[in-house]
Each structure stands twice: as structure tokens, then as C-alpha cells.
Amino acid sequence: QVQLVESGGGLVQPGGSLKLSCAASTYGASINYMGWYRQAPGKQRESVAVISQSGGKRYLSSVTGRFTISRDNAKNAVYLQMNSLKPEDTAVYYCNAREAPTDVGSWGQGTQVTVSS
């Protein structure tokens, strides 16, 4: 099974920026989609941004124009550049990877992002 390790979370002031990184150990598996999800206290986990192996991207409407997802297929890594952060972006952010062709999904352990003055 694919193993994912996130890094880059932290505390930032409103309007600031953070970049999350996620490195995948694939053990020979082929990864199709990679993405970032988040879960705030008392809320359901939601999809923030997803990128396909070919580079197609999809964003949560509330982060469009502020967040950018990118991917390095050679390194099996995915990144999330977060700009103009808002307090409502505060959450634990999880990396997700879905294998091809089984679509089996794996999750990272999560990294805390806190936006506060």
C-alpha cells in the first residue's frame, strides 16, 4: 500500500502563505490521482484540490485563485501552495493518493494548518 508523509503545516497570520508537501512511497504501485483534503473541528473532511497523473486539476470553490496544487510524478510528490490564507482555512490537511487501476486510496497522517492573528 502507498505510504504518504506530509510536511509544511504551521501557524500563519491571515493573508499569509504556506506550502504543503507530500511524499509518497509507492512500493511499485502506480498512482493516478493525488490530492489534498482538510478537516476542521466538528466538520466533515472535504476535498480541497486534486490533480491527476496527466495534470488535470480540480479545486474547492472557496480556495480557487488562492491555492495551487502541483505534482512531481518523478518524485511521487504533490504540493499545495496556499496564499491569502483565511481563518476559515484552519484545519488538519491530509494528503491522499489513489492507485491505478484499482482506485485504492491511501491517506497521510495529516498536518495542522492554523490561520490566526
C-alpha atoms as a PDB file:
ATOM      1  CA  GLN A   1       0.000   0.000   0.000  1.00  0.00           C
ATOM      2  CA  VAL A   2       1.137   3.520  -0.747  1.00  0.00           C
ATOM      3  CA  GLN A   3       2.503   5.425   2.250  1.00  0.00           C
ATOM      4  CA  LEU A   4       2.230   9.202   2.404  1.00  0.00           C
ATOM      5  CA  VAL A   5       4.100  11.698   4.557  1.00  0.00           C
ATOM      6  CA  GLU A   6       3.014  15.335   4.724  1.00  0.00           C
ATOM      7  CA  SER A   7       5.015  18.347   5.822  1.00  0.00           C
ATOM      8  CA  GLY A   8       4.757  22.113   5.810  1.00  0.00           C
ATOM      9  CA  GLY A   9       1.875  22.925   8.113  1.00  0.00           C
ATOM     10  CA  GLY A  10       2.048  25.527  10.832  1.00  0.00           C
ATOM     11  CA  LEU A  11       0.711  28.772  12.208  1.00  0.00           C
ATOM     12  CA  VAL A  12       0.332  31.728   9.864  1.00  0.00           C
ATOM     13  CA  GLN A  13      -1.375  35.097  10.051  1.00  0.00           C
ATOM     14  CA  PRO A  14      -4.370  35.903   7.863  1.00  0.00           C
ATOM     15  CA  GLY A  15      -3.191  36.859   4.400  1.00  0.00           C
ATOM     16  CA  GLY A  16      -0.059  34.767   4.738  1.00  0.00           C
ATOM     17  CA  SER A  17       1.167  31.783   2.768  1.00  0.00           C
ATOM     18  CA  LEU A  18       2.161  28.187   3.406  1.00  0.00           C
ATOM     19  CA  LYS A  19       3.277  25.356   1.162  1.00  0.00           C
ATOM     20  CA  LEU A  20       2.372  21.778   1.984  1.00  0.00           C
ATOM     21  CA  SER A  21       4.338  18.856   0.633  1.00  0.00           C
ATOM     22  CA  CYS A  22       3.500  15.187   0.452  1.00  0.00           C
ATOM     23  CA  ALA A  23       5.917  12.436  -0.464  1.00  0.00           C
ATOM     24  CA  ALA A  24       4.661   9.016  -1.474  1.00  0.00           C
ATOM     25  CA  SER A  25       6.367   5.675  -1.092  1.00  0.00           C
ATOM     26  CA  THR A  26       4.665   3.608  -3.749  1.00  0.00           C
ATOM     27  CA  TYR A  27       6.354   0.184  -3.465  1.00  0.00           C
ATOM     28  CA  GLY A  28       5.844  -0.255  -7.189  1.00  0.00           C
ATOM     29  CA  ALA A  29       2.250   0.938  -7.308  1.00  0.00           C
ATOM     30  CA  SER A  30       1.113   3.398  -9.947  1.00  0.00           C
ATOM     31  CA  ILE A  31      -0.614   6.485  -8.592  1.00  0.00           C
ATOM     32  CA  ASN A  32      -3.404   8.080 -10.572  1.00  0.00           C
ATOM     33  CA  TYR A  33      -4.920  10.910  -8.542  1.00  0.00           C
ATOM     34  CA  MET A  34      -3.226  12.781  -5.728  1.00  0.00           C
ATOM     35  CA  GLY A  35      -4.902  15.419  -3.669  1.00  0.00           C
ATOM     36  CA  TRP A  36      -5.332  17.416  -0.522  1.00  0.00           C
ATOM     37  CA  TYR A  37      -8.270  17.205   1.842  1.00  0.00           C
ATOM     38  CA  ARG A  38      -8.949  19.049   5.071  1.00  0.00           C
ATOM     39  CA  GLN A  39     -10.986  18.569   8.180  1.00  0.00           C
ATOM     40  CA  ALA A  40     -11.825  21.344  10.600  1.00  0.00           C
ATOM     41  CA  PRO A  41     -13.067  20.619  14.144  1.00  0.00           C
ATOM     42  CA  GLY A  42     -16.678  19.489  14.093  1.00  0.00           C
ATOM     43  CA  LYS A  43     -16.816  19.342  10.301  1.00  0.00           C
ATOM     44  CA  GLN A  44     -16.594  16.637   7.683  1.00  0.00           C
ATOM     45  CA  ARG A  45     -13.439  16.079   5.684  1.00  0.00           C
ATOM     46  CA  GLU A  46     -13.617  17.914   2.359  1.00  0.00           C
ATOM     47  CA  SER A  47     -11.657  17.821  -0.853  1.00  0.00           C
ATOM     48  CA  VAL A  48      -9.508  20.909  -1.300  1.00  0.00           C
ATOM     49  CA  ALA A  49      -7.611  20.165  -4.500  1.00  0.00           C
ATOM     50  CA  VAL A  50      -6.996  17.109  -6.659  1.00  0.00           C
ATOM     51  CA  ILE A  51      -4.574  16.557  -9.531  1.00  0.00           C
ATOM     52  CA  SER A  52      -4.488  13.688 -11.981  1.00  0.00           C
ATOM     53  CA  GLN A  53      -1.394  11.967 -13.285  1.00  0.00           C
ATOM     54  CA  SER A  54      -1.754  13.946 -16.522  1.00  0.00           C
ATOM     55  CA  GLY A  55      -2.039  17.244 -14.632  1.00  0.00           C
ATOM     56  CA  GLY A  56      -5.767  17.882 -14.637  1.00  0.00           C
ATOM     57  CA  LYS A  57      -6.779  19.850 -11.545  1.00  0.00           C
ATOM     58  CA  ARG A  58      -9.927  20.418  -9.539  1.00  0.00           C
ATOM     59  CA  TYR A  59     -10.352  22.845  -6.641  1.00  0.00           C
ATOM     60  CA  LEU A  60     -12.806  23.531  -3.863  1.00  0.00           C
ATOM     61  CA  SER A  61     -14.589  26.711  -4.907  1.00  0.00           C
ATOM     62  CA  SER A  62     -13.596  28.610  -1.765  1.00  0.00           C
ATOM     63  CA  VAL A  63      -9.869  28.135  -2.453  1.00  0.00           C
ATOM     64  CA  THR A  64      -9.881  28.767  -6.208  1.00  0.00           C
ATOM     65  CA  GLY A  65      -7.475  31.557  -7.041  1.00  0.00           C
ATOM     66  CA  ARG A  66      -5.705  31.278  -3.686  1.00  0.00           C
ATOM     67  CA  PHE A  67      -4.426  27.682  -3.625  1.00  0.00           C
ATOM     68  CA  THR A  68      -2.390  25.903  -6.294  1.00  0.00           C
ATOM     69  CA  ILE A  69      -1.838  22.163  -6.455  1.00  0.00           C
ATOM     70  CA  SER A  70       1.148  20.739  -8.290  1.00  0.00           C
ATOM     71  CA  ARG A  71       2.752  17.383  -8.717  1.00  0.00           C
ATOM     72  CA  ASP A  72       6.133  15.847  -9.475  1.00  0.00           C
ATOM     73  CA  ASN A  73       5.483  12.402 -10.926  1.00  0.00           C
ATOM     74  CA  ALA A  74       9.170  11.512 -10.938  1.00  0.00           C
ATOM     75  CA  LYS A  75       9.318  12.069  -7.178  1.00  0.00           C
ATOM     76  CA  ASN A  76       5.799  10.782  -6.439  1.00  0.00           C
ATOM     77  CA  ALA A  77       5.150  14.050  -4.657  1.00  0.00           C
ATOM     78  CA  VAL A  78       2.298  16.516  -4.509  1.00  0.00           C
ATOM     79  CA  TYR A  79       2.319  20.074  -3.246  1.00  0.00           C
ATOM     80  CA  LEU A  80      -0.234  22.658  -2.174  1.00  0.00           C
ATOM     81  CA  GLN A  81       0.743  26.309  -2.318  1.00  0.00           C
ATOM     82  CA  MET A  82      -1.673  28.258  -0.153  1.00  0.00           C
ATOM     83  CA  ASN A  83      -1.795  32.038  -0.473  1.00  0.00           C
ATOM     84  CA  SER A  84      -4.062  34.689   1.027  1.00  0.00           C
ATOM     85  CA  LEU A  85      -4.917  32.333   3.856  1.00  0.00           C
ATOM     86  CA  LYS A  86      -8.047  32.974   5.874  1.00  0.00           C
ATOM     87  CA  PRO A  87      -9.020  31.854   9.376  1.00  0.00           C
ATOM     88  CA  GLU A  88     -11.599  29.544   7.803  1.00  0.00           C
ATOM     89  CA  ASP A  89      -8.763  27.627   6.141  1.00  0.00           C
ATOM     90  CA  THR A  90      -7.728  26.388   9.576  1.00  0.00           C
ATOM     91  CA  ALA A  91      -7.878  22.594   9.569  1.00  0.00           C
ATOM     92  CA  VAL A  92      -5.869  19.414   9.513  1.00  0.00           C
ATOM     93  CA  TYR A  93      -4.787  18.884   5.926  1.00  0.00           C
ATOM     94  CA  TYR A  94      -4.451  15.335   4.617  1.00  0.00           C
ATOM     95  CA  CYS A  95      -2.680  14.069   1.540  1.00  0.00           C
ATOM     96  CA  ASN A  96      -4.473  11.399  -0.482  1.00  0.00           C
ATOM     97  CA  ALA A  97      -3.335   9.120  -3.275  1.00  0.00           C
ATOM     98  CA  ARG A  98      -5.399   6.774  -5.419  1.00  0.00           C
ATOM     99  CA  GLU A  99      -3.755   3.869  -7.177  1.00  0.00           C
ATOM    100  CA  ALA A 100      -4.281   2.861 -10.771  1.00  0.00           C
ATOM    101  CA  PRO A 101      -6.120   0.818 -11.849  1.00  0.00           C
ATOM    102  CA  THR A 102      -7.605  -0.328  -8.535  1.00  0.00           C
ATOM    103  CA  ASP A 103      -8.514   3.187  -7.256  1.00  0.00           C
ATOM    104  CA  VAL A 104      -7.450   2.062  -3.779  1.00  0.00           C
ATOM    105  CA  GLY A 105      -6.858   5.178  -1.675  1.00  0.00           C
ATOM    106  CA  SER A 106      -4.220   5.945   0.938  1.00  0.00           C
ATOM    107  CA  TRP A 107      -4.010   8.778   3.453  1.00  0.00           C
ATOM    108  CA  GLY A 108      -1.216  10.617   5.140  1.00  0.00           C
ATOM    109  CA  GLN A 109      -1.184  11.314   8.853  1.00  0.00           C
ATOM    110  CA  GLY A 110      -2.272  14.921   8.429  1.00  0.00           C
ATOM    111  CA  THR A 111      -0.630  18.258   9.088  1.00  0.00           C
ATOM    112  CA  GLN A 112      -2.169  21.111  11.064  1.00  0.00           C
ATOM    113  CA  VAL A 113      -2.674  24.478   9.394  1.00  0.00           C
ATOM    114  CA  THR A 114      -3.758  27.293  11.691  1.00  0.00           C
ATOM    115  CA  VAL A 115      -4.558  30.755  10.365  1.00  0.00           C
ATOM    116  CA  SER A 116      -4.808  33.235  13.191  1.00  0.00           C
ATOM    117  CA  SER A 117      -3.581  36.639  14.243  1.00  0.00           C
END
